[in-house]
């Protein structure tokens, strides 16, 4: 890149597993939970994601990022 920034081509997460389930506190709920287990900790990049994500809130004490898109709410 000509402006002095370095292009990073290495992937942070190479493998992940997705598990979906209905919340145990509300059996039969039309709401689903998706849990992703990854082979790397995304924590170090979360402040950068927070800086560019619209309508997101990152709490480094938890550490969790929460945002909403339409009817859907996400936590990472």
N, C-alpha and C. Protein backbone atom coordinates (compact mmCIF):
# COMPACT_ATOMS: atom_id res chain seq x y z
N UNK A 1 0.84 -1.18 0.00
CA UNK A 1 0.00 0.00 0.00
C UNK A 1 0.88 1.24 0.00
N UNK A 2 0.49 2.26 -0.71
CA UNK A 2 1.33 3.43 -0.87
C UNK A 2 1.26 4.40 0.30
N UNK A 3 0.24 4.32 1.16
CA UNK A 3 0.11 5.29 2.24
C UNK A 3 0.83 4.85 3.52
N UNK A 4 1.66 3.83 3.45
CA UNK A 4 2.45 3.41 4.60
C UNK A 4 1.79 2.33 5.45
N UNK A 5 0.53 1.99 5.17
CA UNK A 5 -0.12 0.92 5.93
C UNK A 5 0.34 -0.42 5.40
N UNK A 6 0.38 -1.39 6.30
CA UNK A 6 0.80 -2.74 5.93
C UNK A 6 -0.44 -3.59 5.67
N UNK A 7 -0.46 -4.30 4.59
CA UNK A 7 -1.57 -5.20 4.28
C UNK A 7 -1.33 -6.52 5.01
N UNK A 8 -2.33 -6.96 5.78
CA UNK A 8 -2.21 -8.21 6.52
C UNK A 8 -2.96 -9.28 5.74
N UNK A 9 -2.26 -10.35 5.41
CA UNK A 9 -2.89 -11.41 4.63
C UNK A 9 -3.10 -12.68 5.45
N UNK A 10 -2.67 -12.68 6.68
CA UNK A 10 -2.83 -13.85 7.54
C UNK A 10 -4.23 -13.85 8.15
N UNK A 11 -4.87 -15.00 8.20
CA UNK A 11 -6.20 -15.13 8.77
C UNK A 11 -6.09 -15.22 10.29
N UNK A 12 -6.99 -14.56 11.00
CA UNK A 12 -7.04 -14.66 12.45
C UNK A 12 -7.65 -15.99 12.86
N UNK A 13 -8.76 -16.36 12.21
CA UNK A 13 -9.44 -17.62 12.53
C UNK A 13 -9.39 -18.51 11.30
N UNK A 14 -8.83 -19.70 11.47
CA UNK A 14 -8.73 -20.64 10.37
C UNK A 14 -9.84 -21.68 10.39
N UNK A 15 -10.29 -22.07 11.58
CA UNK A 15 -11.35 -23.07 11.70
C UNK A 15 -12.31 -22.66 12.80
N UNK A 16 -13.58 -23.03 12.61
CA UNK A 16 -14.57 -22.77 13.64
C UNK A 16 -15.67 -23.82 13.55
N UNK A 17 -16.43 -23.93 14.63
CA UNK A 17 -17.55 -24.86 14.70
C UNK A 17 -18.79 -24.08 15.12
N UNK A 18 -19.89 -24.27 14.41
CA UNK A 18 -21.14 -23.58 14.69
C UNK A 18 -22.11 -24.56 15.35
N UNK A 19 -22.66 -24.17 16.51
CA UNK A 19 -23.66 -24.96 17.21
C UNK A 19 -24.88 -24.09 17.40
N UNK A 20 -26.05 -24.56 16.96
CA UNK A 20 -27.29 -23.81 17.11
C UNK A 20 -28.22 -24.57 18.04
N UNK A 21 -28.91 -23.81 18.92
CA UNK A 21 -29.84 -24.44 19.84
C UNK A 21 -30.89 -23.44 20.29
N UNK A 22 -32.01 -23.96 20.77
CA UNK A 22 -33.07 -23.14 21.34
C UNK A 22 -32.69 -22.83 22.78
N UNK A 23 -32.92 -21.62 23.27
CA UNK A 23 -32.54 -21.28 24.64
C UNK A 23 -33.17 -22.25 25.65
N UNK A 24 -32.36 -22.83 26.55
CA UNK A 24 -32.90 -23.81 27.50
C UNK A 24 -33.92 -23.21 28.46
N UNK A 25 -33.90 -21.90 28.66
CA UNK A 25 -34.85 -21.27 29.58
C UNK A 25 -36.23 -21.08 28.95
N UNK A 26 -36.32 -21.22 27.60
CA UNK A 26 -37.59 -21.05 26.91
C UNK A 26 -37.75 -22.20 25.90
N UNK A 27 -38.11 -23.42 26.38
CA UNK A 27 -38.25 -24.56 25.46
C UNK A 27 -39.29 -24.28 24.38
N UNK A 28 -38.98 -24.65 23.16
CA UNK A 28 -39.89 -24.45 22.04
C UNK A 28 -39.91 -23.04 21.50
N UNK A 29 -39.02 -22.20 21.96
CA UNK A 29 -38.96 -20.81 21.53
C UNK A 29 -38.60 -20.71 20.05
N UNK A 30 -39.19 -19.73 19.33
CA UNK A 30 -38.81 -19.52 17.93
C UNK A 30 -37.45 -18.81 17.82
N UNK A 31 -36.86 -18.45 18.94
CA UNK A 31 -35.55 -17.80 18.97
C UNK A 31 -34.47 -18.87 19.01
N UNK A 32 -33.42 -18.66 18.25
CA UNK A 32 -32.30 -19.60 18.22
C UNK A 32 -31.04 -18.91 18.69
N UNK A 33 -30.18 -19.67 19.31
CA UNK A 33 -28.87 -19.20 19.72
C UNK A 33 -27.85 -19.90 18.83
N UNK A 34 -26.91 -19.15 18.30
CA UNK A 34 -25.82 -19.72 17.51
C UNK A 34 -24.53 -19.45 18.26
N UNK A 35 -23.81 -20.50 18.56
CA UNK A 35 -22.54 -20.36 19.27
C UNK A 35 -21.43 -20.85 18.34
N UNK A 36 -20.42 -20.01 18.22
CA UNK A 36 -19.29 -20.35 17.35
C UNK A 36 -18.06 -20.55 18.22
N UNK A 37 -17.43 -21.71 18.08
CA UNK A 37 -16.17 -21.98 18.75
C UNK A 37 -15.07 -21.89 17.70
N UNK A 38 -14.10 -21.02 17.96
CA UNK A 38 -13.03 -20.78 16.99
C UNK A 38 -11.69 -21.24 17.52
N UNK A 39 -10.74 -21.40 16.61
CA UNK A 39 -9.41 -21.85 16.98
C UNK A 39 -8.49 -20.70 17.40
N UNK A 40 -9.04 -19.49 17.51
CA UNK A 40 -8.24 -18.33 17.92
C UNK A 40 -9.11 -17.38 18.72
N UNK A 41 -8.50 -16.58 19.54
CA UNK A 41 -9.20 -15.59 20.36
C UNK A 41 -9.32 -14.29 19.57
N UNK A 42 -10.55 -13.85 19.23
CA UNK A 42 -10.70 -12.61 18.47
C UNK A 42 -10.58 -11.36 19.34
N UNK A 43 -10.39 -11.52 20.65
CA UNK A 43 -10.35 -10.40 21.58
C UNK A 43 -9.43 -9.25 21.19
N UNK A 44 -8.21 -9.53 20.76
CA UNK A 44 -7.29 -8.43 20.42
C UNK A 44 -7.77 -7.52 19.29
N UNK A 45 -8.62 -8.01 18.40
CA UNK A 45 -9.08 -7.17 17.29
C UNK A 45 -10.44 -6.51 17.56
N UNK A 46 -11.09 -6.85 18.66
CA UNK A 46 -12.43 -6.33 18.93
C UNK A 46 -12.49 -4.80 19.01
N UNK A 47 -11.54 -4.11 19.62
CA UNK A 47 -11.62 -2.64 19.61
C UNK A 47 -11.60 -2.06 18.19
N UNK A 48 -10.91 -2.71 17.27
CA UNK A 48 -10.86 -2.24 15.89
C UNK A 48 -12.19 -2.50 15.18
N UNK A 49 -12.78 -3.67 15.44
CA UNK A 49 -14.09 -3.98 14.87
C UNK A 49 -15.12 -2.99 15.42
N UNK A 50 -15.05 -2.70 16.70
CA UNK A 50 -15.97 -1.76 17.32
C UNK A 50 -15.88 -0.38 16.67
N UNK A 51 -14.68 0.00 16.27
CA UNK A 51 -14.47 1.32 15.68
C UNK A 51 -15.18 1.47 14.33
N UNK A 52 -15.39 0.37 13.61
CA UNK A 52 -16.01 0.45 12.29
C UNK A 52 -17.42 -0.13 12.24
N UNK A 53 -17.84 -0.83 13.27
CA UNK A 53 -19.18 -1.45 13.27
C UNK A 53 -20.24 -0.41 13.60
N UNK A 54 -21.32 -0.43 12.86
CA UNK A 54 -22.42 0.49 13.12
C UNK A 54 -23.30 -0.08 14.23
N UNK A 55 -23.75 0.79 15.12
CA UNK A 55 -24.67 0.42 16.20
C UNK A 55 -24.13 -0.69 17.09
N UNK A 56 -22.83 -0.73 17.30
CA UNK A 56 -22.22 -1.77 18.14
C UNK A 56 -21.67 -1.15 19.42
N UNK A 57 -21.63 -1.98 20.45
CA UNK A 57 -21.06 -1.57 21.72
C UNK A 57 -20.12 -2.66 22.18
N UNK A 58 -18.86 -2.29 22.45
CA UNK A 58 -17.86 -3.24 22.93
C UNK A 58 -17.51 -2.92 24.37
N UNK A 59 -17.64 -3.90 25.24
CA UNK A 59 -17.28 -3.75 26.65
C UNK A 59 -16.06 -4.61 26.92
N UNK A 60 -14.90 -3.99 27.09
CA UNK A 60 -13.65 -4.74 27.27
C UNK A 60 -13.60 -5.46 28.60
N UNK A 61 -14.46 -5.10 29.54
CA UNK A 61 -14.46 -5.78 30.85
C UNK A 61 -15.07 -7.17 30.74
N UNK A 62 -15.96 -7.39 29.78
CA UNK A 62 -16.68 -8.66 29.72
C UNK A 62 -15.87 -9.75 29.01
N UNK A 63 -15.19 -9.69 27.94
CA UNK A 63 -15.24 -8.79 26.79
C UNK A 63 -16.28 -9.28 25.77
N UNK A 64 -17.18 -8.41 25.40
CA UNK A 64 -18.26 -8.76 24.47
C UNK A 64 -18.65 -7.54 23.64
N UNK A 65 -18.95 -7.79 22.38
CA UNK A 65 -19.50 -6.76 21.52
C UNK A 65 -20.95 -7.14 21.23
N UNK A 66 -21.85 -6.18 21.35
CA UNK A 66 -23.27 -6.41 21.12
C UNK A 66 -23.77 -5.42 20.07
N UNK A 67 -24.58 -5.90 19.15
CA UNK A 67 -25.20 -5.00 18.18
C UNK A 67 -26.52 -5.60 17.71
N UNK A 68 -27.33 -4.77 17.08
CA UNK A 68 -28.65 -5.18 16.59
C UNK A 68 -28.75 -4.80 15.13
N UNK A 69 -29.33 -5.71 14.37
CA UNK A 69 -29.66 -5.46 12.96
C UNK A 69 -31.10 -5.88 12.77
N UNK A 70 -31.99 -4.90 12.62
CA UNK A 70 -33.41 -5.21 12.49
C UNK A 70 -33.93 -5.88 13.75
N UNK A 71 -34.57 -7.03 13.59
CA UNK A 71 -35.11 -7.78 14.73
C UNK A 71 -34.07 -8.63 15.43
N UNK A 72 -32.89 -8.75 14.86
CA UNK A 72 -31.87 -9.68 15.37
C UNK A 72 -30.85 -8.96 16.25
N UNK A 73 -30.49 -9.60 17.34
CA UNK A 73 -29.47 -9.07 18.25
C UNK A 73 -28.31 -10.06 18.27
N UNK A 74 -27.10 -9.52 18.21
CA UNK A 74 -25.89 -10.34 18.12
C UNK A 74 -24.95 -10.01 19.26
N UNK A 75 -24.21 -10.99 19.74
CA UNK A 75 -23.16 -10.78 20.73
C UNK A 75 -21.94 -11.58 20.26
N UNK A 76 -20.80 -10.96 20.34
CA UNK A 76 -19.58 -11.59 19.87
C UNK A 76 -18.53 -11.49 20.95
